[in-house]
Amino acid sequence: MKYSEVKDKSLQDLENMIKDLRLQLGKARFELANNTLKNTSLIGKIKNDIAKSLTAIREKRKTDV
């Protein structure tokens, strides 16, 4: 997911997306521990998406003040 796609979303959408991404990250880590995860780069991609979402939230809150 590109940052330009993320920054256009509302705060509520971003917060919901972060919740979903954190659930996905937990599932991916569980699969990694059980040796059932096929694509190990998925964990890094999920972490990057979480970071992009958090950055967008911080920017929106900074500009709203």
C-alpha atoms as a PDB file:
ATOM      1  CA  MET A   1       0.000   0.000   0.000  1.00  0.00           C
ATOM      2  CA  LYS A   2       1.340   3.412  -0.919  1.00  0.00           C
ATOM      3  CA  TYR A   3       1.442   6.309   1.511  1.00  0.00           C
ATOM      4  CA  SER A   4      -0.542   8.494  -0.884  1.00  0.00           C
ATOM      5  CA  GLU A   5      -3.426   6.004  -0.573  1.00  0.00           C
ATOM      6  CA  VAL A   6      -3.192   5.989   3.211  1.00  0.00           C
ATOM      7  CA  LYS A   7      -3.048   9.742   3.814  1.00  0.00           C
ATOM      8  CA  ASP A   8      -6.353  10.331   2.020  1.00  0.00           C
ATOM      9  CA  LYS A   9      -8.330   8.201   4.492  1.00  0.00           C
ATOM     10  CA  SER A  10     -10.201   9.547   7.505  1.00  0.00           C
ATOM     11  CA  LEU A  11      -8.961   9.125  11.081  1.00  0.00           C
ATOM     12  CA  GLN A  12     -11.608   6.500  11.841  1.00  0.00           C
ATOM     13  CA  ASP A  13     -10.682   4.497   8.734  1.00  0.00           C
ATOM     14  CA  LEU A  14      -6.999   4.668   9.657  1.00  0.00           C
ATOM     15  CA  GLU A  15      -7.627   3.496  13.217  1.00  0.00           C
ATOM     16  CA  ASN A  16      -9.735   0.587  11.965  1.00  0.00           C
ATOM     17  CA  MET A  17      -7.059  -0.279   9.430  1.00  0.00           C
ATOM     18  CA  ILE A  18      -4.397  -0.334  12.160  1.00  0.00           C
ATOM     19  CA  LYS A  19      -6.510  -2.724  14.246  1.00  0.00           C
ATOM     20  CA  ASP A  20      -6.905  -5.052  11.276  1.00  0.00           C
ATOM     21  CA  LEU A  21      -3.216  -4.866  10.405  1.00  0.00           C
ATOM     22  CA  ARG A  22      -2.193  -5.664  13.976  1.00  0.00           C
ATOM     23  CA  LEU A  23      -4.464  -8.718  13.917  1.00  0.00           C
ATOM     24  CA  GLN A  24      -2.901  -9.807  10.630  1.00  0.00           C
ATOM     25  CA  LEU A  25       0.563  -9.308  12.106  1.00  0.00           C
ATOM     26  CA  GLY A  26      -0.301 -11.474  15.099  1.00  0.00           C
ATOM     27  CA  LYS A  27      -1.619 -14.233  12.849  1.00  0.00           C
ATOM     28  CA  ALA A  28       1.463 -14.029  10.640  1.00  0.00           C
ATOM     29  CA  ARG A  29       3.780 -14.268  13.657  1.00  0.00           C
ATOM     30  CA  PHE A  30       1.825 -17.262  14.936  1.00  0.00           C
ATOM     31  CA  GLU A  31       2.122 -18.955  11.544  1.00  0.00           C
ATOM     32  CA  LEU A  32       5.838 -18.175  11.474  1.00  0.00           C
ATOM     33  CA  ALA A  33       6.296 -19.811  14.864  1.00  0.00           C
ATOM     34  CA  ASN A  34       4.428 -22.903  13.645  1.00  0.00           C
ATOM     35  CA  ASN A  35       6.406 -23.013  10.376  1.00  0.00           C
ATOM     36  CA  THR A  36       3.231 -22.655   8.300  1.00  0.00           C
ATOM     37  CA  LEU A  37       3.918 -19.155   6.942  1.00  0.00           C
ATOM     38  CA  LYS A  38       4.810 -19.424   3.249  1.00  0.00           C
ATOM     39  CA  ASN A  39       5.724 -15.773   2.579  1.00  0.00           C
ATOM     40  CA  THR A  40       7.931 -14.476   5.382  1.00  0.00           C
ATOM     41  CA  SER A  41       8.220 -11.023   3.803  1.00  0.00           C
ATOM     42  CA  LEU A  42       4.555 -10.536   4.691  1.00  0.00           C
ATOM     43  CA  ILE A  43       5.512  -9.601   8.264  1.00  0.00           C
ATOM     44  CA  GLY A  44       7.700  -6.735   7.078  1.00  0.00           C
ATOM     45  CA  LYS A  45       5.028  -5.481   4.677  1.00  0.00           C
ATOM     46  CA  ILE A  46       2.410  -5.445   7.436  1.00  0.00           C
ATOM     47  CA  LYS A  47       4.777  -3.546   9.743  1.00  0.00           C
ATOM     48  CA  ASN A  48       5.416  -0.957   7.018  1.00  0.00           C
ATOM     49  CA  ASP A  49       1.679  -0.509   6.455  1.00  0.00           C
ATOM     50  CA  ILE A  50       1.166   0.010  10.196  1.00  0.00           C
ATOM     51  CA  ALA A  51       3.937   2.617  10.237  1.00  0.00           C
ATOM     52  CA  LYS A  52       2.437   4.446   7.252  1.00  0.00           C
ATOM     53  CA  SER A  53      -0.963   4.494   8.925  1.00  0.00           C
ATOM     54  CA  LEU A  54       0.434   5.789  12.216  1.00  0.00           C
ATOM     55  CA  THR A  55       2.352   8.499  10.364  1.00  0.00           C
ATOM     56  CA  ALA A  56      -0.808   9.589   8.550  1.00  0.00           C
ATOM     57  CA  ILE A  57      -2.709   9.731  11.856  1.00  0.00           C
ATOM     58  CA  ARG A  58       0.000  11.876  13.443  1.00  0.00           C
ATOM     59  CA  GLU A  59      -0.014  14.262  10.477  1.00  0.00           C
ATOM     60  CA  LYS A  60      -3.796  14.604  10.565  1.00  0.00           C
ATOM     61  CA  ARG A  61      -3.826  15.274  14.309  1.00  0.00           C
ATOM     62  CA  LYS A  62      -0.984  17.773  13.923  1.00  0.00           C
ATOM     63  CA  THR A  63      -2.806  19.754  11.235  1.00  0.00           C
ATOM     64  CA  ASP A  64      -6.139  19.668  13.117  1.00  0.00           C
ATOM     65  CA  VAL A  65      -4.682  21.437  16.167  1.00  0.00           C
END
